[in-house]
Amino acid sequence: MAKTAKSQDAAPDVPQDLPETYEAALAELEKLVGRMEGGELGLEESLGAYRRGAVLVKYCQGLLEKVEQQVKVLEGETLKPLEPVRDEF
């Protein structure tokens, strides 16, 4: 009878603790991407880094959505498009 590995056993644990700030999460994400792009990681480490990166991306997106909602409240539920900056020469 052949043994089958569970996907949980094959993959390293990804720490689920989140950074305290958006900036810290973004810095960690940039570091992970750099290590992955630099070829510093083996296959299992790359998978763990990818999973951690996915958690960080979701966390950052959530924080950005919260900030967007706060801005909407401050602007009276109507976000105004930014005026393009024109260089006058």
N, C-alpha and C. Protein backbone atom coordinates (compact mmCIF):
# COMPACT_ATOMS: atom_id res chain seq x y z
N MET A 1 0.84 -1.17 0.00
CA MET A 1 0.00 0.00 0.00
C MET A 1 0.89 1.24 0.00
N ALA A 2 0.67 2.17 -0.91
CA ALA A 2 1.49 3.37 -1.03
C ALA A 2 1.05 4.42 -0.01
N LYS A 3 2.04 5.08 0.54
CA LYS A 3 1.74 6.16 1.48
C LYS A 3 1.54 7.45 0.71
N THR A 4 0.59 8.24 1.15
CA THR A 4 0.37 9.56 0.55
C THR A 4 0.62 10.60 1.61
N ALA A 5 1.38 11.60 1.24
CA ALA A 5 1.71 12.68 2.18
C ALA A 5 0.58 13.68 2.20
N LYS A 6 0.21 14.09 3.37
CA LYS A 6 -0.78 15.15 3.49
C LYS A 6 -0.13 16.46 3.13
N SER A 7 -0.87 17.34 2.48
CA SER A 7 -0.29 18.62 2.07
C SER A 7 0.17 19.44 3.27
N GLN A 8 -0.48 19.25 4.40
CA GLN A 8 -0.08 20.00 5.59
C GLN A 8 1.28 19.53 6.09
N ASP A 9 1.55 18.22 5.96
CA ASP A 9 2.82 17.69 6.43
C ASP A 9 3.97 18.10 5.52
N ALA A 10 3.70 18.26 4.23
CA ALA A 10 4.75 18.57 3.27
C ALA A 10 5.16 20.02 3.30
N ALA A 11 4.27 20.90 3.71
CA ALA A 11 4.55 22.33 3.69
C ALA A 11 4.98 22.82 5.07
N PRO A 12 5.98 23.69 5.11
CA PRO A 12 6.39 24.25 6.40
C PRO A 12 5.30 25.16 6.96
N ASP A 13 5.30 25.26 8.27
CA ASP A 13 4.31 26.13 8.90
C ASP A 13 4.58 27.58 8.54
N VAL A 14 3.52 28.31 8.27
CA VAL A 14 3.63 29.73 7.97
C VAL A 14 3.14 30.48 9.19
N PRO A 15 4.00 31.29 9.80
CA PRO A 15 3.54 32.03 10.98
C PRO A 15 2.39 32.96 10.62
N GLN A 16 1.35 32.93 11.41
CA GLN A 16 0.18 33.73 11.12
C GLN A 16 0.16 35.04 11.89
N ASP A 17 1.16 35.29 12.72
CA ASP A 17 1.20 36.55 13.44
C ASP A 17 1.43 37.67 12.43
N LEU A 18 0.69 38.74 12.62
CA LEU A 18 0.75 39.84 11.66
C LEU A 18 1.52 41.02 12.24
N PRO A 19 2.19 41.76 11.37
CA PRO A 19 2.90 42.96 11.83
C PRO A 19 1.91 43.96 12.42
N GLU A 20 2.43 44.87 13.21
CA GLU A 20 1.57 45.85 13.86
C GLU A 20 1.11 46.97 12.92
N THR A 21 1.87 47.22 11.87
CA THR A 21 1.53 48.33 10.99
C THR A 21 1.55 47.89 9.52
N TYR A 22 0.91 48.69 8.69
CA TYR A 22 0.92 48.48 7.24
C TYR A 22 2.35 48.54 6.72
N GLU A 23 3.09 49.51 7.20
CA GLU A 23 4.46 49.70 6.73
C GLU A 23 5.33 48.49 7.06
N ALA A 24 5.15 47.92 8.25
CA ALA A 24 5.93 46.74 8.64
C ALA A 24 5.55 45.54 7.78
N ALA A 25 4.27 45.39 7.48
CA ALA A 25 3.81 44.29 6.63
C ALA A 25 4.38 44.45 5.23
N LEU A 26 4.35 45.65 4.71
CA LEU A 26 4.86 45.92 3.37
C LEU A 26 6.37 45.66 3.30
N ALA A 27 7.09 46.06 4.34
CA ALA A 27 8.54 45.82 4.38
C ALA A 27 8.84 44.32 4.41
N GLU A 28 8.08 43.57 5.19
CA GLU A 28 8.29 42.12 5.24
C GLU A 28 7.97 41.49 3.88
N LEU A 29 6.91 41.96 3.26
CA LEU A 29 6.52 41.45 1.95
C LEU A 29 7.60 41.73 0.90
N GLU A 30 8.14 42.94 0.92
CA GLU A 30 9.21 43.30 -0.02
C GLU A 30 10.45 42.43 0.20
N LYS A 31 10.76 42.15 1.45
CA LYS A 31 11.91 41.31 1.77
C LYS A 31 11.69 39.88 1.24
N LEU A 32 10.47 39.36 1.43
CA LEU A 32 10.15 38.03 0.93
C LEU A 32 10.28 37.96 -0.59
N VAL A 33 9.74 38.96 -1.26
CA VAL A 33 9.80 39.00 -2.72
C VAL A 33 11.26 39.05 -3.18
N GLY A 34 12.06 39.85 -2.52
CA GLY A 34 13.48 39.94 -2.87
C GLY A 34 14.19 38.61 -2.73
N ARG A 35 13.90 37.90 -1.65
CA ARG A 35 14.53 36.59 -1.43
C ARG A 35 14.07 35.59 -2.48
N MET A 36 12.79 35.64 -2.82
CA MET A 36 12.27 34.71 -3.83
C MET A 36 12.84 35.02 -5.21
N GLU A 37 12.89 36.29 -5.55
CA GLU A 37 13.43 36.68 -6.85
C GLU A 37 14.94 36.43 -6.94
N GLY A 38 15.61 36.51 -5.82
CA GLY A 38 17.06 36.32 -5.80
C GLY A 38 17.47 34.86 -5.85
N GLY A 39 16.50 33.96 -5.80
CA GLY A 39 16.82 32.54 -5.87
C GLY A 39 17.47 32.00 -4.62
N GLU A 40 17.25 32.66 -3.49
CA GLU A 40 17.88 32.24 -2.23
C GLU A 40 17.17 31.07 -1.57
N LEU A 41 15.94 30.78 -2.00
CA LEU A 41 15.12 29.80 -1.30
C LEU A 41 14.97 28.51 -2.08
N GLY A 42 14.89 27.42 -1.34
CA GLY A 42 14.59 26.14 -1.95
C GLY A 42 13.09 26.04 -2.22
N LEU A 43 12.67 24.92 -2.74
CA LEU A 43 11.28 24.74 -3.12
C LEU A 43 10.33 24.89 -1.93
N GLU A 44 10.61 24.18 -0.86
CA GLU A 44 9.73 24.24 0.32
C GLU A 44 9.74 25.63 0.95
N GLU A 45 10.92 26.24 1.01
CA GLU A 45 11.01 27.60 1.56
C GLU A 45 10.26 28.59 0.68
N SER A 46 10.33 28.40 -0.62
CA SER A 46 9.61 29.27 -1.55
C SER A 46 8.11 29.15 -1.35
N LEU A 47 7.63 27.94 -1.15
CA LEU A 47 6.21 27.72 -0.91
C LEU A 47 5.78 28.41 0.39
N GLY A 48 6.58 28.27 1.43
CA GLY A 48 6.29 28.94 2.70
C GLY A 48 6.30 30.45 2.56
N ALA A 49 7.28 30.97 1.80
CA ALA A 49 7.37 32.41 1.58
C ALA A 49 6.17 32.91 0.79
N TYR A 50 5.74 32.13 -0.20
CA TYR A 50 4.57 32.50 -0.99
C TYR A 50 3.32 32.56 -0.11
N ARG A 51 3.17 31.56 0.74
CA ARG A 51 2.00 31.53 1.64
C ARG A 51 2.03 32.71 2.60
N ARG A 52 3.19 32.98 3.16
CA ARG A 52 3.32 34.11 4.07
C ARG A 52 3.02 35.41 3.32
N GLY A 53 3.52 35.52 2.11
CA GLY A 53 3.26 36.70 1.29
C GLY A 53 1.77 36.88 1.02
N ALA A 54 1.07 35.78 0.76
CA ALA A 54 -0.37 35.86 0.52
C ALA A 54 -1.10 36.37 1.76
N VAL A 55 -0.67 35.93 2.93
CA VAL A 55 -1.27 36.41 4.18
C VAL A 55 -1.01 37.91 4.35
N LEU A 56 0.22 38.33 4.06
CA LEU A 56 0.57 39.74 4.19
C LEU A 56 -0.19 40.61 3.19
N VAL A 57 -0.35 40.13 1.97
CA VAL A 57 -1.10 40.89 0.96
C VAL A 57 -2.55 41.07 1.41
N LYS A 58 -3.14 40.01 1.90
CA LYS A 58 -4.54 40.08 2.37
C LYS A 58 -4.66 41.07 3.54
N TYR A 59 -3.70 41.03 4.44
CA TYR A 59 -3.68 41.93 5.59
C TYR A 59 -3.56 43.39 5.13
N CYS A 60 -2.64 43.65 4.19
CA CYS A 60 -2.46 45.02 3.68
C CYS A 60 -3.71 45.50 2.95
N GLN A 61 -4.31 44.64 2.15
CA GLN A 61 -5.53 45.01 1.44
C GLN A 61 -6.64 45.36 2.42
N GLY A 62 -6.75 44.59 3.49
CA GLY A 62 -7.76 44.87 4.51
C GLY A 62 -7.53 46.22 5.17
N LEU A 63 -6.28 46.52 5.48
CA LEU A 63 -5.98 47.81 6.09
C LEU A 63 -6.29 48.96 5.13
N LEU A 64 -5.96 48.79 3.86
CA LEU A 64 -6.23 49.83 2.87
C LEU A 64 -7.74 50.04 2.70
N GLU A 65 -8.51 48.96 2.75
CA GLU A 65 -9.96 49.08 2.65
C GLU A 65 -10.53 49.85 3.84
N LYS A 66 -9.99 49.58 5.03
CA LYS A 66 -10.44 50.31 6.22
C LYS A 66 -10.15 51.80 6.09
N VAL A 67 -8.96 52.12 5.61
CA VAL A 67 -8.59 53.53 5.44
C VAL A 67 -9.49 54.18 4.39
N GLU A 68 -9.77 53.47 3.31
CA GLU A 68 -10.64 54.01 2.27
C GLU A 68 -12.03 54.32 2.84
N GLN A 69 -12.53 53.43 3.69
CA GLN A 69 -13.83 53.67 4.31
C GLN A 69 -13.80 54.90 5.21
N GLN A 70 -12.70 55.06 5.93
CA GLN A 70 -12.57 56.24 6.80
C GLN A 70 -12.53 57.52 5.98
N VAL A 71 -11.84 57.48 4.84
CA VAL A 71 -11.77 58.64 3.96
C VAL A 71 -13.16 58.95 3.41
N LYS A 72 -13.91 57.92 3.04
CA LYS A 72 -15.26 58.12 2.53
C LYS A 72 -16.14 58.81 3.57
N VAL A 73 -16.00 58.40 4.81
CA VAL A 73 -16.77 59.03 5.88
C VAL A 73 -16.36 60.49 6.02
N LEU A 74 -15.07 60.75 6.00
CA LEU A 74 -14.58 62.13 6.14
C LEU A 74 -15.01 63.01 4.97
N GLU A 75 -15.13 62.41 3.78
CA GLU A 75 -15.50 63.16 2.58
C GLU A 75 -17.01 63.13 2.35
N GLY A 76 -17.77 62.63 3.30
CA GLY A 76 -19.22 62.60 3.15
C GLY A 76 -19.68 61.58 2.13
N GLU A 77 -19.01 60.41 2.11
CA GLU A 77 -19.37 59.30 1.23
C GLU A 77 -19.12 59.57 -0.25
N THR A 78 -18.50 60.68 -0.60
CA THR A 78 -18.20 60.93 -2.00
C THR A 78 -16.71 61.20 -2.16
N LEU A 79 -16.03 60.25 -2.73
CA LEU A 79 -14.62 60.45 -3.01
C LEU A 79 -14.50 61.31 -4.26
N LYS A 80 -13.65 62.29 -4.18
CA LYS A 80 -13.46 63.19 -5.31
C LYS A 80 -12.20 62.78 -6.06
N PRO A 81 -12.25 62.74 -7.39
CA PRO A 81 -11.03 62.41 -8.13
C PRO A 81 -10.00 63.51 -7.95
N LEU A 82 -8.74 63.09 -7.93
CA LEU A 82 -7.67 64.06 -7.80
C LEU A 82 -7.51 64.85 -9.10
N GLU A 83 -7.25 66.11 -8.95
CA GLU A 83 -7.00 66.96 -10.11
C GLU A 83 -5.59 66.68 -10.60
N PRO A 84 -5.40 66.51 -11.90
CA PRO A 84 -4.04 66.28 -12.40
C PRO A 84 -3.16 67.51 -12.18
N VAL A 85 -1.93 67.24 -11.81
CA VAL A 85 -0.98 68.33 -11.58
C VAL A 85 -0.42 68.75 -12.93
N ARG A 86 -0.50 70.01 -13.21
CA ARG A 86 0.01 70.52 -14.49
C ARG A 86 1.29 71.31 -14.26
N ASP A 87 2.29 70.96 -15.01
CA ASP A 87 3.54 71.70 -14.95
C ASP A 87 3.39 72.94 -15.84
N GLU A 88 3.63 74.08 -15.25
CA GLU A 88 3.53 75.31 -16.04
C GLU A 88 4.94 75.80 -16.34
N PHE A 89 5.25 75.83 -17.62
CA PHE A 89 6.56 76.29 -18.05
C PHE A 89 6.44 77.52 -18.87
